C-alpha cells in the first residue's frame, strides 16, 4: 500500500485495477479489504486468474513436495525457503493464522463493494522441468497432483470450485463474475492463464463494459 502512495497523482486521475494470478489473487483480495482512503476510493476492481480462493491440494505432506518441486525447477534458494513454507501452508489451509478461511469469512459477512472477475482454466496438467525430462517425471507429478486435488475440472493445481469466488463464498452478487466459457478453457492450465490472448480479451471486455474504462 505504501508503494502505491508514490503513484497517487496518476491514480487520482485514472483509478486502478488489480489483476492477480494464483496466490497473487489472494493478495489482491486482502489488499482490497484492508486498503484505506484515498486508495480505497481509487480501486475500481479486481481480476483473479486461477486464484485458490478456497485453497488448493491438501495435507501437510504436500508442503514439502511443493518446495522440492520448486527447488528442482529453479535451483535451491535458502533465502526463499522460509516464505515459501508459509505460502505453501496457506495454500493448503495448514497455516495457524487461517488466512484464506478468515478472508472468505469476511467477504461472506461483508461482500466486496467493487467488481470482481474470476477466471479459471480447465487443462489439468502442469509442465515440470526441462522438456527432455517431462515425459516421465511430469506424468508422475501430475498423477499425484490429480489425486491431491481430487476434483475435475481443474487447471492442474486449482480446482474449478476454488477458482470460482462466488462458489467459494456461497453468495452471488451483481459485482462478482466468473468466466470459464471461453474457447481455450480446456487447453489452458494454471501457468498458461497469464499467457492466453482469449483471457486478455475477457479482461479488456470486463474493463470496458463493467468498469467503463
N, C-alpha and C. Protein backbone atom coordinates (compact mmCIF):
# COMPACT_ATOMS: atom_id res chain seq x y z
N UNK A 1 0.82 -1.20 0.00
CA UNK A 1 0.00 0.00 0.00
C UNK A 1 0.86 1.26 0.00
N UNK A 2 1.94 1.22 0.79
CA UNK A 2 2.81 2.39 0.88
C UNK A 2 3.43 2.71 -0.47
N UNK A 3 3.78 1.66 -1.26
CA UNK A 3 4.42 1.89 -2.54
C UNK A 3 3.48 2.58 -3.53
N UNK A 4 2.20 2.33 -3.40
CA UNK A 4 1.25 2.97 -4.30
C UNK A 4 1.10 4.46 -4.02
N UNK A 5 1.51 4.87 -2.82
CA UNK A 5 1.43 6.29 -2.49
C UNK A 5 2.26 7.13 -3.46
N UNK A 6 3.35 6.55 -3.97
CA UNK A 6 4.20 7.27 -4.91
C UNK A 6 3.50 7.48 -6.26
N UNK A 7 2.47 6.68 -6.51
CA UNK A 7 1.73 6.79 -7.77
C UNK A 7 0.39 7.48 -7.57
N UNK A 8 0.24 8.12 -6.44
CA UNK A 8 -1.07 8.66 -6.08
C UNK A 8 -1.60 9.67 -7.09
N UNK A 9 -0.71 10.49 -7.66
CA UNK A 9 -1.18 11.52 -8.58
C UNK A 9 -1.85 10.92 -9.82
N UNK A 10 -1.20 10.00 -10.57
CA UNK A 10 -1.90 9.40 -11.72
C UNK A 10 -3.08 8.53 -11.30
N UNK A 11 -2.98 7.90 -10.12
CA UNK A 11 -4.09 7.07 -9.67
C UNK A 11 -5.32 7.93 -9.38
N UNK A 12 -5.10 9.12 -8.86
CA UNK A 12 -6.21 10.03 -8.58
C UNK A 12 -6.93 10.39 -9.87
N UNK A 13 -6.21 10.41 -10.96
CA UNK A 13 -6.79 10.79 -12.24
C UNK A 13 -7.52 9.63 -12.91
N UNK A 14 -6.94 8.43 -12.83
CA UNK A 14 -7.48 7.30 -13.58
C UNK A 14 -8.09 6.20 -12.71
N UNK A 15 -7.68 6.10 -11.45
CA UNK A 15 -8.04 4.95 -10.65
C UNK A 15 -7.18 3.75 -11.06
N UNK A 16 -7.41 2.58 -10.48
CA UNK A 16 -6.61 1.41 -10.83
C UNK A 16 -7.38 0.13 -10.58
N UNK A 17 -6.92 -0.93 -11.26
CA UNK A 17 -7.49 -2.26 -11.15
C UNK A 17 -6.37 -3.22 -10.80
N UNK A 18 -6.62 -4.17 -9.92
CA UNK A 18 -5.63 -5.18 -9.57
C UNK A 18 -5.93 -6.47 -10.34
N UNK A 19 -4.89 -7.06 -10.93
CA UNK A 19 -5.00 -8.35 -11.60
C UNK A 19 -4.01 -9.29 -10.94
N UNK A 20 -4.52 -10.36 -10.33
CA UNK A 20 -3.66 -11.29 -9.59
C UNK A 20 -3.77 -12.70 -10.11
N UNK A 21 -2.62 -13.35 -10.29
CA UNK A 21 -2.58 -14.75 -10.73
C UNK A 21 -2.25 -15.64 -9.55
N UNK A 22 -2.97 -16.75 -9.42
CA UNK A 22 -2.72 -17.73 -8.38
C UNK A 22 -2.82 -17.07 -7.00
N UNK A 23 -1.81 -17.23 -6.15
CA UNK A 23 -1.88 -16.63 -4.81
C UNK A 23 -1.81 -15.11 -4.86
N UNK A 24 -1.36 -14.57 -6.00
CA UNK A 24 -1.39 -13.13 -6.16
C UNK A 24 -2.82 -12.60 -6.11
N UNK A 25 -3.78 -13.43 -6.52
CA UNK A 25 -5.18 -13.05 -6.43
C UNK A 25 -5.64 -12.93 -4.99
N UNK A 26 -5.12 -13.80 -4.12
CA UNK A 26 -5.45 -13.71 -2.70
C UNK A 26 -4.87 -12.44 -2.10
N UNK A 27 -3.65 -12.09 -2.53
CA UNK A 27 -3.04 -10.84 -2.07
C UNK A 27 -3.90 -9.65 -2.50
N UNK A 28 -4.40 -9.71 -3.74
CA UNK A 28 -5.25 -8.63 -4.25
C UNK A 28 -6.54 -8.53 -3.44
N UNK A 29 -7.11 -9.66 -3.07
CA UNK A 29 -8.34 -9.65 -2.27
C UNK A 29 -8.08 -9.07 -0.88
N UNK A 30 -6.97 -9.45 -0.29
CA UNK A 30 -6.62 -8.90 1.03
C UNK A 30 -6.41 -7.39 0.93
N UNK A 31 -5.71 -6.98 -0.11
CA UNK A 31 -5.47 -5.55 -0.33
C UNK A 31 -6.80 -4.80 -0.44
N UNK A 32 -7.71 -5.34 -1.25
CA UNK A 32 -8.99 -4.68 -1.46
C UNK A 32 -9.78 -4.54 -0.17
N UNK A 33 -9.62 -5.48 0.74
CA UNK A 33 -10.34 -5.42 2.01
C UNK A 33 -9.67 -4.49 3.01
N UNK A 34 -8.36 -4.42 2.97
CA UNK A 34 -7.64 -3.67 4.01
C UNK A 34 -7.22 -2.26 3.60
N UNK A 35 -7.23 -1.96 2.30
CA UNK A 35 -6.74 -0.66 1.85
C UNK A 35 -7.60 0.46 2.43
N UNK A 36 -6.96 1.55 2.74
CA UNK A 36 -7.66 2.69 3.32
C UNK A 36 -7.70 3.85 2.32
N UNK A 37 -8.51 4.84 2.61
CA UNK A 37 -8.60 6.02 1.74
C UNK A 37 -7.26 6.76 1.77
N UNK A 38 -6.89 7.42 0.65
CA UNK A 38 -7.69 7.61 -0.56
C UNK A 38 -7.61 6.46 -1.56
N UNK A 39 -6.70 5.50 -1.35
CA UNK A 39 -6.56 4.41 -2.31
C UNK A 39 -7.83 3.57 -2.41
N UNK A 40 -8.54 3.40 -1.30
CA UNK A 40 -9.77 2.61 -1.32
C UNK A 40 -10.75 3.15 -2.37
N UNK A 41 -10.87 4.45 -2.45
CA UNK A 41 -11.82 5.06 -3.37
C UNK A 41 -11.35 4.99 -4.82
N UNK A 42 -10.05 4.71 -5.03
CA UNK A 42 -9.50 4.68 -6.38
C UNK A 42 -9.46 3.27 -6.96
N UNK A 43 -9.65 2.26 -6.13
CA UNK A 43 -9.62 0.87 -6.59
C UNK A 43 -10.93 0.56 -7.31
N UNK A 44 -10.85 0.27 -8.61
CA UNK A 44 -12.04 0.10 -9.44
C UNK A 44 -12.51 -1.36 -9.54
N UNK A 45 -11.59 -2.31 -9.37
CA UNK A 45 -11.98 -3.71 -9.50
C UNK A 45 -10.79 -4.64 -9.31
N UNK A 46 -11.09 -5.94 -9.23
CA UNK A 46 -10.05 -6.97 -9.04
C UNK A 46 -10.34 -8.13 -9.98
N UNK A 47 -9.32 -8.58 -10.72
CA UNK A 47 -9.43 -9.75 -11.58
C UNK A 47 -8.56 -10.86 -11.01
N UNK A 48 -9.11 -12.05 -10.89
CA UNK A 48 -8.43 -13.20 -10.29
C UNK A 48 -8.23 -14.29 -11.33
N UNK A 49 -6.99 -14.67 -11.58
CA UNK A 49 -6.68 -15.70 -12.57
C UNK A 49 -6.19 -16.97 -11.86
N UNK A 50 -7.00 -18.01 -11.89
CA UNK A 50 -6.59 -19.25 -11.26
C UNK A 50 -6.27 -19.09 -9.79
N UNK A 51 -7.02 -18.26 -9.10
CA UNK A 51 -6.75 -17.99 -7.69
C UNK A 51 -7.37 -19.06 -6.80
N UNK A 52 -6.60 -19.64 -5.88
CA UNK A 52 -7.14 -20.68 -5.00
C UNK A 52 -7.94 -20.07 -3.86
N UNK A 53 -9.10 -19.51 -4.19
CA UNK A 53 -9.92 -18.83 -3.19
C UNK A 53 -10.38 -19.75 -2.06
N UNK A 54 -10.49 -21.02 -2.36
CA UNK A 54 -10.85 -21.98 -1.33
C UNK A 54 -9.70 -22.87 -0.94
N UNK A 55 -8.47 -22.46 -1.26
CA UNK A 55 -7.29 -23.28 -1.01
C UNK A 55 -7.05 -24.24 -2.16
N UNK A 56 -5.96 -24.99 -2.07
CA UNK A 56 -5.62 -25.96 -3.11
C UNK A 56 -4.86 -27.13 -2.49
N UNK A 57 -5.01 -28.29 -3.11
CA UNK A 57 -4.34 -29.50 -2.64
C UNK A 57 -4.77 -29.78 -1.21
N UNK A 58 -3.93 -30.28 -0.39
CA UNK A 58 -4.32 -30.59 0.98
C UNK A 58 -3.32 -31.51 1.64
N UNK A 59 -3.25 -31.41 2.96
CA UNK A 59 -2.36 -32.29 3.71
C UNK A 59 -0.98 -31.70 3.88
N UNK A 60 -0.40 -31.83 5.04
CA UNK A 60 0.89 -31.22 5.34
C UNK A 60 2.03 -31.80 4.52
N UNK A 61 1.91 -33.04 4.05
CA UNK A 61 2.98 -33.64 3.26
C UNK A 61 3.15 -32.92 1.93
N UNK A 62 2.11 -32.28 1.45
CA UNK A 62 2.18 -31.58 0.17
C UNK A 62 3.17 -30.43 0.23
N UNK A 63 3.27 -29.78 1.37
CA UNK A 63 4.15 -28.62 1.51
C UNK A 63 5.58 -28.97 1.14
N UNK A 64 6.10 -30.05 1.69
CA UNK A 64 7.46 -30.46 1.40
C UNK A 64 7.63 -30.80 -0.07
N UNK A 65 6.63 -31.49 -0.64
CA UNK A 65 6.71 -31.86 -2.05
C UNK A 65 6.73 -30.63 -2.93
N UNK A 66 5.92 -29.65 -2.62
CA UNK A 66 5.88 -28.43 -3.42
C UNK A 66 7.22 -27.71 -3.39
N UNK A 67 7.85 -27.66 -2.23
CA UNK A 67 9.14 -27.00 -2.11
C UNK A 67 10.22 -27.77 -2.85
N UNK A 68 10.14 -29.09 -2.80
CA UNK A 68 11.10 -29.91 -3.55
C UNK A 68 10.96 -29.66 -5.05
N UNK A 69 9.73 -29.55 -5.53
CA UNK A 69 9.49 -29.28 -6.95
C UNK A 69 10.06 -27.92 -7.32
N UNK A 70 9.85 -26.93 -6.45
CA UNK A 70 10.35 -25.59 -6.73
C UNK A 70 11.88 -25.60 -6.82
N UNK A 71 12.53 -26.33 -5.92
CA UNK A 71 13.99 -26.43 -5.95
C UNK A 71 14.45 -27.14 -7.22
N UNK A 72 13.70 -28.15 -7.65
CA UNK A 72 14.08 -28.91 -8.84
C UNK A 72 13.95 -28.05 -10.08
N UNK A 73 12.94 -27.18 -10.11
CA UNK A 73 12.70 -26.34 -11.27
C UNK A 73 13.68 -25.19 -11.36
N UNK A 74 13.95 -24.54 -10.24
CA UNK A 74 14.70 -23.28 -10.27
C UNK A 74 16.03 -23.34 -9.54
N UNK A 75 16.30 -24.43 -8.84
CA UNK A 75 17.50 -24.50 -8.03
C UNK A 75 17.20 -24.06 -6.61
N UNK A 76 17.88 -24.65 -5.63
CA UNK A 76 17.62 -24.30 -4.23
C UNK A 76 17.88 -22.82 -3.95
N UNK A 77 17.01 -22.23 -3.17
CA UNK A 77 17.17 -20.84 -2.74
C UNK A 77 16.94 -20.80 -1.23
N UNK A 78 18.02 -20.84 -0.45
CA UNK A 78 17.85 -20.89 1.01
C UNK A 78 17.15 -19.67 1.58
N UNK A 79 17.23 -18.54 0.88
CA UNK A 79 16.59 -17.33 1.37
C UNK A 79 15.08 -17.37 1.15
N UNK A 80 14.64 -18.16 0.18
CA UNK A 80 13.21 -18.22 -0.13
C UNK A 80 12.50 -19.35 0.60
N UNK A 81 13.24 -20.24 1.20
CA UNK A 81 12.63 -21.43 1.78
C UNK A 81 11.59 -21.09 2.85
N UNK A 82 11.92 -20.15 3.74
CA UNK A 82 11.01 -19.80 4.82
C UNK A 82 9.70 -19.19 4.31
N UNK A 83 9.73 -18.14 3.46
CA UNK A 83 8.47 -17.60 2.96
C UNK A 83 7.70 -18.58 2.10
N UNK A 84 8.42 -19.45 1.36
CA UNK A 84 7.74 -20.46 0.57
C UNK A 84 6.98 -21.42 1.48
N UNK A 85 7.57 -21.76 2.60
CA UNK A 85 6.88 -22.64 3.55
C UNK A 85 5.57 -22.01 4.00
N UNK A 86 5.61 -20.72 4.34
CA UNK A 86 4.41 -20.03 4.79
C UNK A 86 3.36 -20.00 3.70
N UNK A 87 3.77 -19.68 2.46
CA UNK A 87 2.82 -19.62 1.35
C UNK A 87 2.20 -20.99 1.09
N UNK A 88 3.03 -22.04 1.15
CA UNK A 88 2.52 -23.38 0.91
C UNK A 88 1.55 -23.80 2.01
N UNK A 89 1.84 -23.42 3.23
CA UNK A 89 0.93 -23.72 4.34
C UNK A 89 -0.40 -23.01 4.15
N UNK A 90 -0.35 -21.76 3.73
CA UNK A 90 -1.58 -21.01 3.49
C UNK A 90 -2.37 -21.62 2.34
N UNK A 91 -1.67 -21.97 1.27
CA UNK A 91 -2.31 -22.54 0.09
C UNK A 91 -3.05 -23.84 0.42
N UNK A 92 -2.45 -24.67 1.28
CA UNK A 92 -3.03 -25.97 1.61
C UNK A 92 -3.88 -25.92 2.87
N UNK A 93 -4.17 -24.69 3.36
CA UNK A 93 -5.04 -24.47 4.52
C UNK A 93 -4.48 -25.10 5.79
N UNK A 94 -3.15 -25.13 5.88
CA UNK A 94 -2.50 -25.68 7.06
C UNK A 94 -1.83 -24.62 7.94
N UNK A 95 -2.04 -23.34 7.61
CA UNK A 95 -1.43 -22.27 8.41
C UNK A 95 -2.24 -22.01 9.67
N UNK A 96 -1.54 -21.67 10.74
CA UNK A 96 -2.19 -21.43 12.02
C UNK A 96 -3.10 -20.20 11.98
N UNK A 97 -2.72 -19.23 11.13
CA UNK A 97 -3.49 -17.97 11.07
C UNK A 97 -4.80 -18.12 10.31
N UNK A 98 -4.95 -19.20 9.53
CA UNK A 98 -6.17 -19.44 8.75
C UNK A 98 -6.49 -18.25 7.84
N UNK A 99 -5.50 -17.81 7.09
CA UNK A 99 -5.62 -16.59 6.28
C UNK A 99 -6.76 -16.70 5.26
N UNK A 100 -6.79 -17.78 4.49
CA UNK A 100 -7.82 -17.93 3.45
C UNK A 100 -9.19 -18.08 4.09
N UNK A 101 -9.27 -18.88 5.13
CA UNK A 101 -10.55 -19.08 5.83
C UNK A 101 -11.11 -17.76 6.34
N UNK A 102 -10.27 -16.98 6.99
CA UNK A 102 -10.73 -15.71 7.55
C UNK A 102 -11.10 -14.70 6.46
N UNK A 103 -10.33 -14.69 5.37
CA UNK A 103 -10.64 -13.78 4.27
C UNK A 103 -12.01 -14.10 3.68
N UNK A 104 -12.29 -15.38 3.48
CA UNK A 104 -13.59 -15.78 2.93
C UNK A 104 -14.73 -15.48 3.90
N UNK A 105 -14.48 -15.66 5.17
CA UNK A 105 -15.50 -15.34 6.18
C UNK A 105 -15.84 -13.86 6.15
N UNK A 106 -14.82 -13.03 6.04
CA UNK A 106 -15.05 -11.59 5.99
C UNK A 106 -15.82 -11.20 4.73
N UNK A 107 -15.49 -11.83 3.59
CA UNK A 107 -16.16 -11.49 2.34
C UNK A 107 -17.60 -12.01 2.30
N UNK A 108 -17.89 -13.07 3.06
CA UNK A 108 -19.28 -13.53 3.15
C UNK A 108 -20.11 -12.56 3.99
N UNK A 109 -19.54 -12.15 5.11
CA UNK A 109 -20.27 -11.27 6.03
C UNK A 109 -20.39 -9.85 5.49
N UNK A 110 -19.40 -9.44 4.73
CA UNK A 110 -19.40 -8.09 4.16
C UNK A 110 -18.90 -8.20 2.72
N UNK A 111 -19.78 -8.55 1.78
CA UNK A 111 -19.38 -8.78 0.38
C UNK A 111 -18.64 -7.59 -0.21
N UNK A 112 -17.66 -7.86 -1.09
CA UNK A 112 -16.89 -6.80 -1.74
C UNK A 112 -17.79 -5.78 -2.42
N UNK A 113 -17.38 -4.51 -2.33
CA UNK A 113 -18.17 -3.42 -2.90
C UNK A 113 -17.66 -3.00 -4.28
N UNK A 114 -16.69 -3.73 -4.82
CA UNK A 114 -16.14 -3.43 -6.14
C UNK A 114 -16.30 -4.65 -7.04
N UNK A 115 -16.32 -4.46 -8.37
CA UNK A 115 -16.44 -5.60 -9.28
C UNK A 115 -15.24 -6.56 -9.14
N UNK A 116 -15.55 -7.85 -9.12
CA UNK A 116 -14.52 -8.88 -9.06
C UNK A 116 -14.78 -9.90 -10.15
N UNK A 117 -13.78 -10.14 -10.98
CA UNK A 117 -13.86 -11.12 -12.07
C UNK A 117 -12.90 -12.26 -11.77
N UNK A 118 -13.41 -13.48 -11.68
CA UNK A 118 -12.54 -14.65 -11.53
C UNK A 118 -12.56 -15.45 -12.83
N UNK A 119 -11.39 -15.96 -13.21
CA UNK A 119 -11.23 -16.73 -14.44
C UNK A 119 -10.48 -18.01 -14.12
N UNK A 120 -10.95 -19.13 -14.63
CA UNK A 120 -10.32 -20.41 -14.36
C UNK A 120 -9.85 -21.06 -15.65
N UNK A 121 -8.98 -22.06 -15.52
CA UNK A 121 -8.53 -22.87 -16.64
C UNK A 121 -9.01 -24.30 -16.46
N UNK A 122 -9.04 -25.06 -17.54
CA UNK A 122 -9.57 -26.42 -17.46
C UNK A 122 -8.64 -27.51 -17.93
N UNK A 123 -7.37 -27.19 -18.19
CA UNK A 123 -6.42 -28.23 -18.59
C UNK A 123 -5.70 -28.74 -17.34
N UNK A 124 -5.97 -29.95 -16.96
CA UNK A 124 -5.46 -30.46 -15.67
C UNK A 124 -4.09 -31.11 -15.82
N UNK A 125 -3.15 -30.33 -16.32
CA UNK A 125 -1.78 -30.83 -16.49
C UNK A 125 -0.81 -29.66 -16.39
N UNK A 126 0.24 -29.81 -15.57
CA UNK A 126 1.28 -28.79 -15.43
C UNK A 126 2.59 -29.31 -15.99
N UNK A 127 3.39 -28.40 -16.54
CA UNK A 127 4.70 -28.76 -17.06
C UNK A 127 5.73 -28.67 -15.94
N UNK A 128 6.60 -29.65 -15.86
CA UNK A 128 7.65 -29.67 -14.84
C UNK A 128 9.01 -29.87 -15.51
N UNK A 129 9.96 -29.00 -15.17
CA UNK A 129 11.32 -29.19 -15.61
C UNK A 129 11.54 -28.96 -17.09
N UNK A 130 12.69 -29.41 -17.57
CA UNK A 130 13.07 -29.25 -18.97
C UNK A 130 12.25 -30.20 -19.85
N UNK A 131 12.02 -29.81 -21.10
CA UNK A 131 11.21 -30.65 -22.00
C UNK A 131 11.69 -32.09 -22.07
N UNK A 132 12.99 -32.30 -22.05
CA UNK A 132 13.52 -33.66 -22.17
C UNK A 132 13.19 -34.53 -20.97
N UNK A 133 12.87 -33.88 -19.83
CA UNK A 133 12.59 -34.64 -18.61
C UNK A 133 11.11 -34.73 -18.29
N UNK A 134 10.26 -34.12 -19.11
CA UNK A 134 8.85 -34.01 -18.76
C UNK A 134 8.06 -35.30 -18.98
N UNK A 135 8.47 -36.11 -19.95
CA UNK A 135 7.65 -37.24 -20.35
C UNK A 135 7.29 -38.13 -19.18
N UNK A 136 8.30 -38.52 -18.38
CA UNK A 136 8.04 -39.43 -17.27
C UNK A 136 7.79 -38.68 -15.97
N UNK A 137 8.73 -37.80 -15.58
CA UNK A 137 8.60 -37.12 -14.29
C UNK A 137 7.36 -36.22 -14.27
N UNK A 138 7.05 -35.57 -15.41
CA UNK A 138 5.86 -34.73 -15.45
C UNK A 138 4.60 -35.54 -15.27
N UNK A 139 4.52 -36.70 -15.90
CA UNK A 139 3.34 -37.55 -15.79
C UNK A 139 3.17 -38.04 -14.35
N UNK A 140 4.26 -38.41 -13.70
CA UNK A 140 4.18 -38.88 -12.32
C UNK A 140 3.69 -37.78 -11.39
N UNK A 141 4.27 -36.59 -11.54
CA UNK A 141 3.88 -35.48 -10.68
C UNK A 141 2.43 -35.06 -10.92
N UNK A 142 2.01 -35.08 -12.16
CA UNK A 142 0.63 -34.71 -12.45
C UNK A 142 -0.36 -35.74 -11.95
N UNK A 143 0.02 -36.99 -11.98
CA UNK A 143 -0.84 -38.03 -11.41
C UNK A 143 -1.02 -37.79 -9.92
N UNK A 144 0.08 -37.45 -9.23
CA UNK A 144 0.00 -37.17 -7.81
C UNK A 144 -0.86 -35.93 -7.55
N UNK A 145 -0.65 -34.89 -8.35
CA UNK A 145 -1.43 -33.67 -8.19
C UNK A 145 -2.92 -33.93 -8.35
N UNK A 146 -3.28 -34.73 -9.34
CA UNK A 146 -4.69 -35.00 -9.57
C UNK A 146 -5.31 -35.76 -8.41
N UNK A 147 -4.55 -36.63 -7.80
CA UNK A 147 -5.05 -37.34 -6.62
C UNK A 147 -5.25 -36.38 -5.46
N UNK A 148 -4.34 -35.44 -5.31
CA UNK A 148 -4.43 -34.48 -4.22
C UNK A 148 -5.59 -33.51 -4.43
N UNK A 149 -5.76 -33.07 -5.68
CA UNK A 149 -6.85 -32.14 -5.97
C UNK A 149 -8.20 -32.85 -5.83
N UNK A 150 -8.28 -34.04 -6.39
CA UNK A 150 -9.47 -34.87 -6.21
C UNK A 150 -10.74 -34.31 -6.83
N UNK A 151 -10.60 -33.45 -7.82
CA UNK A 151 -11.78 -32.83 -8.43
C UNK A 151 -11.48 -32.42 -9.87
N UNK A 152 -12.44 -32.63 -10.73
CA UNK A 152 -12.37 -32.16 -12.11
C UNK A 152 -13.62 -31.35 -12.40
N UNK A 153 -13.48 -30.26 -13.17
CA UNK A 153 -12.25 -29.80 -13.82
C UNK A 153 -11.34 -29.03 -12.86
N UNK A 154 -10.06 -28.93 -13.26
CA UNK A 154 -9.10 -28.11 -12.56
C UNK A 154 -8.03 -27.67 -13.56
N UNK A 155 -7.18 -26.73 -13.16
CA UNK A 155 -6.17 -26.21 -14.08
C UNK A 155 -4.80 -26.84 -13.86
N UNK A 156 -4.79 -27.99 -13.18
CA UNK A 156 -3.54 -28.66 -12.86
C UNK A 156 -3.07 -28.37 -11.45
N UNK A 157 -3.64 -27.36 -10.82
CA UNK A 157 -3.28 -27.01 -9.45
C UNK A 157 -4.50 -26.57 -8.64
N UNK A 158 -5.34 -25.74 -9.26
CA UNK A 158 -6.50 -25.17 -8.57
C UNK A 158 -7.79 -25.72 -9.17
N UNK A 159 -8.65 -26.27 -8.33
CA UNK A 159 -9.92 -26.81 -8.80
C UNK A 159 -10.86 -25.69 -9.22
N UNK A 160 -11.76 -26.00 -10.14
CA UNK A 160 -12.76 -25.03 -10.61
C UNK A 160 -13.54 -24.44 -9.44
N UNK A 161 -13.92 -25.27 -8.49
CA UNK A 161 -14.73 -24.80 -7.36
C UNK A 161 -13.96 -23.85 -6.46
N UNK A 162 -12.63 -23.89 -6.51
CA UNK A 162 -11.81 -22.98 -5.71
C UNK A 162 -11.52 -21.69 -6.46
N UNK A 163 -11.40 -21.78 -7.78
CA UNK A 163 -11.14 -20.59 -8.59
C UNK A 163 -12.37 -19.70 -8.71
N UNK A 164 -13.56 -20.29 -8.58
CA UNK A 164 -14.81 -19.55 -8.70
C UNK A 164 -15.14 -18.91 -7.36
N UNK A 165 -14.91 -17.61 -7.25
CA UNK A 165 -15.08 -16.92 -5.96
C UNK A 165 -16.53 -17.00 -5.47
N UNK A 166 -17.49 -16.83 -6.35
CA UNK A 166 -18.90 -16.90 -5.94
C UNK A 166 -19.23 -18.24 -5.33
N UNK A 167 -18.68 -19.31 -5.92
CA UNK A 167 -18.94 -20.65 -5.41
C UNK A 167 -18.27 -20.85 -4.05
N UNK A 168 -17.07 -20.33 -3.90
CA UNK A 168 -16.35 -20.46 -2.63
C UNK A 168 -17.10 -19.74 -1.51
N UNK A 169 -17.55 -18.52 -1.80
CA UNK A 169 -18.24 -17.73 -0.78
C UNK A 169 -19.68 -18.19 -0.56
N UNK A 170 -20.24 -18.87 -1.56
CA UNK A 170 -21.62 -19.31 -1.44
C UNK A 170 -22.61 -18.18 -1.60
N UNK A 171 -22.19 -17.11 -2.23
CA UNK A 171 -23.07 -15.97 -2.47
C UNK A 171 -22.89 -15.51 -3.91
N UNK A 172 -23.91 -14.82 -4.42
CA UNK A 172 -23.83 -14.30 -5.77
C UNK A 172 -24.34 -12.87 -5.77
N UNK A 173 -23.51 -11.96 -6.26
CA UNK A 173 -23.91 -10.57 -6.37
C UNK A 173 -23.63 -10.10 -7.80
N UNK A 174 -24.21 -8.97 -8.15
CA UNK A 174 -24.00 -8.43 -9.49
C UNK A 174 -22.57 -7.98 -9.70
N UNK A 175 -21.81 -7.82 -8.62
CA UNK A 175 -20.43 -7.36 -8.73
C UNK A 175 -19.44 -8.50 -8.94
N UNK A 176 -19.89 -9.74 -8.76
CA UNK A 176 -18.99 -10.88 -8.91
C UNK A 176 -19.33 -11.68 -10.15
N UNK A 177 -18.33 -11.92 -10.99
CA UNK A 177 -18.49 -12.73 -12.20
C UNK A 177 -17.44 -13.82 -12.23
N UNK A 178 -17.79 -14.93 -12.87
CA UNK A 178 -16.79 -15.99 -13.09
C UNK A 178 -16.82 -16.37 -14.56
N UNK A 179 -15.64 -16.51 -15.17
CA UNK A 179 -15.52 -16.84 -16.58
C UNK A 179 -14.80 -18.18 -16.77
N UNK A 180 -15.48 -19.13 -17.38
CA UNK A 180 -14.85 -20.39 -17.78
C UNK A 180 -15.45 -20.90 -19.09
N UNK A 181 -16.11 -20.00 -19.83
CA UNK A 181 -16.79 -20.39 -21.06
C UNK A 181 -16.06 -19.94 -22.32
N UNK A 182 -14.80 -19.55 -22.17
CA UNK A 182 -14.05 -19.11 -23.34
C UNK A 182 -13.53 -20.32 -24.12
N UNK A 183 -13.19 -20.12 -25.39
CA UNK A 183 -12.87 -21.21 -26.31
C UNK A 183 -11.67 -22.04 -25.86
N UNK A 184 -10.67 -21.41 -25.25
CA UNK A 184 -9.43 -22.11 -24.89
C UNK A 184 -9.46 -22.72 -23.49
N UNK A 185 -10.60 -22.76 -22.87
CA UNK A 185 -10.69 -23.23 -21.47
C UNK A 185 -10.03 -24.59 -21.27
N UNK A 186 -10.35 -25.55 -22.09
CA UNK A 186 -9.83 -26.91 -21.92
C UNK A 186 -8.36 -27.03 -22.30
N UNK A 187 -7.78 -25.99 -22.90
CA UNK A 187 -6.37 -26.01 -23.27
C UNK A 187 -5.54 -25.06 -22.41
N UNK A 188 -6.13 -24.55 -21.35
CA UNK A 188 -5.45 -23.56 -20.51
C UNK A 188 -5.23 -24.11 -19.11
N UNK A 189 -3.95 -24.26 -18.73
CA UNK A 189 -3.66 -24.72 -17.38
C UNK A 189 -3.26 -23.55 -16.48
N UNK A 190 -2.83 -23.85 -15.29
CA UNK A 190 -2.55 -22.82 -14.29
C UNK A 190 -1.49 -21.83 -14.78
N UNK A 191 -0.46 -22.34 -15.43
CA UNK A 191 0.62 -21.49 -15.93
C UNK A 191 0.16 -20.61 -17.08
N UNK A 192 -0.63 -21.19 -17.98
CA UNK A 192 -1.00 -20.50 -19.21
C UNK A 192 -2.11 -19.48 -19.05
N UNK A 193 -2.69 -19.39 -17.86
CA UNK A 193 -3.73 -18.39 -17.62
C UNK A 193 -3.21 -16.97 -17.86
N UNK A 194 -1.93 -16.77 -17.63
CA UNK A 194 -1.36 -15.43 -17.80
C UNK A 194 -0.74 -15.25 -19.19
N UNK A 195 -0.88 -16.26 -20.05
CA UNK A 195 -0.27 -16.20 -21.39
C UNK A 195 -1.30 -16.34 -22.50
N UNK A 196 -2.57 -16.33 -22.16
CA UNK A 196 -3.62 -16.64 -23.11
C UNK A 196 -4.29 -15.37 -23.62
N UNK A 197 -4.30 -15.19 -24.93
CA UNK A 197 -4.88 -13.98 -25.51
C UNK A 197 -6.38 -13.89 -25.27
N UNK A 198 -7.07 -15.04 -25.27
CA UNK A 198 -8.51 -15.04 -25.05
C UNK A 198 -8.83 -14.50 -23.66
N UNK A 199 -8.00 -14.84 -22.68
CA UNK A 199 -8.22 -14.34 -21.32
C UNK A 199 -7.93 -12.85 -21.24
N UNK A 200 -6.91 -12.42 -21.95
CA UNK A 200 -6.63 -10.98 -22.02
C UNK A 200 -7.83 -10.24 -22.58
N UNK A 201 -8.44 -10.81 -23.61
CA UNK A 201 -9.62 -10.19 -24.21
C UNK A 201 -10.78 -10.14 -23.23
N UNK A 202 -10.95 -11.20 -22.43
CA UNK A 202 -12.02 -11.22 -21.43
C UNK A 202 -11.84 -10.09 -20.42
N UNK A 203 -10.60 -9.89 -20.00
CA UNK A 203 -10.32 -8.84 -19.02
C UNK A 203 -10.56 -7.47 -19.62
N UNK A 204 -10.12 -7.28 -20.87
CA UNK A 204 -10.33 -6.00 -21.54
C UNK A 204 -11.82 -5.71 -21.69
N UNK A 205 -12.60 -6.71 -22.09
CA UNK A 205 -14.04 -6.53 -22.22
C UNK A 205 -14.68 -6.18 -20.88
N UNK A 206 -14.23 -6.84 -19.84
CA UNK A 206 -14.73 -6.56 -18.48
C UNK A 206 -14.41 -5.13 -18.07
N UNK A 207 -13.17 -4.71 -18.37
CA UNK A 207 -12.77 -3.33 -18.04
C UNK A 207 -13.63 -2.31 -18.78
N UNK A 208 -13.90 -2.60 -20.03
CA UNK A 208 -14.63 -1.64 -20.85
C UNK A 208 -16.12 -1.63 -20.53
N UNK A 209 -16.70 -2.82 -20.31
CA UNK A 209 -18.14 -2.91 -20.12
C UNK A 209 -18.55 -2.63 -18.69
N UNK A 210 -17.95 -3.34 -17.73
CA UNK A 210 -18.39 -3.23 -16.34
C UNK A 210 -17.74 -2.10 -15.58
N UNK A 211 -16.52 -1.77 -15.96
CA UNK A 211 -15.82 -0.71 -15.25
C UNK A 211 -15.78 0.60 -16.04
N UNK A 212 -16.25 0.54 -17.30
CA UNK A 212 -16.30 1.73 -18.16
C UNK A 212 -14.94 2.41 -18.29
N UNK A 213 -13.89 1.58 -18.45
CA UNK A 213 -12.54 2.12 -18.60
C UNK A 213 -12.12 2.13 -20.06
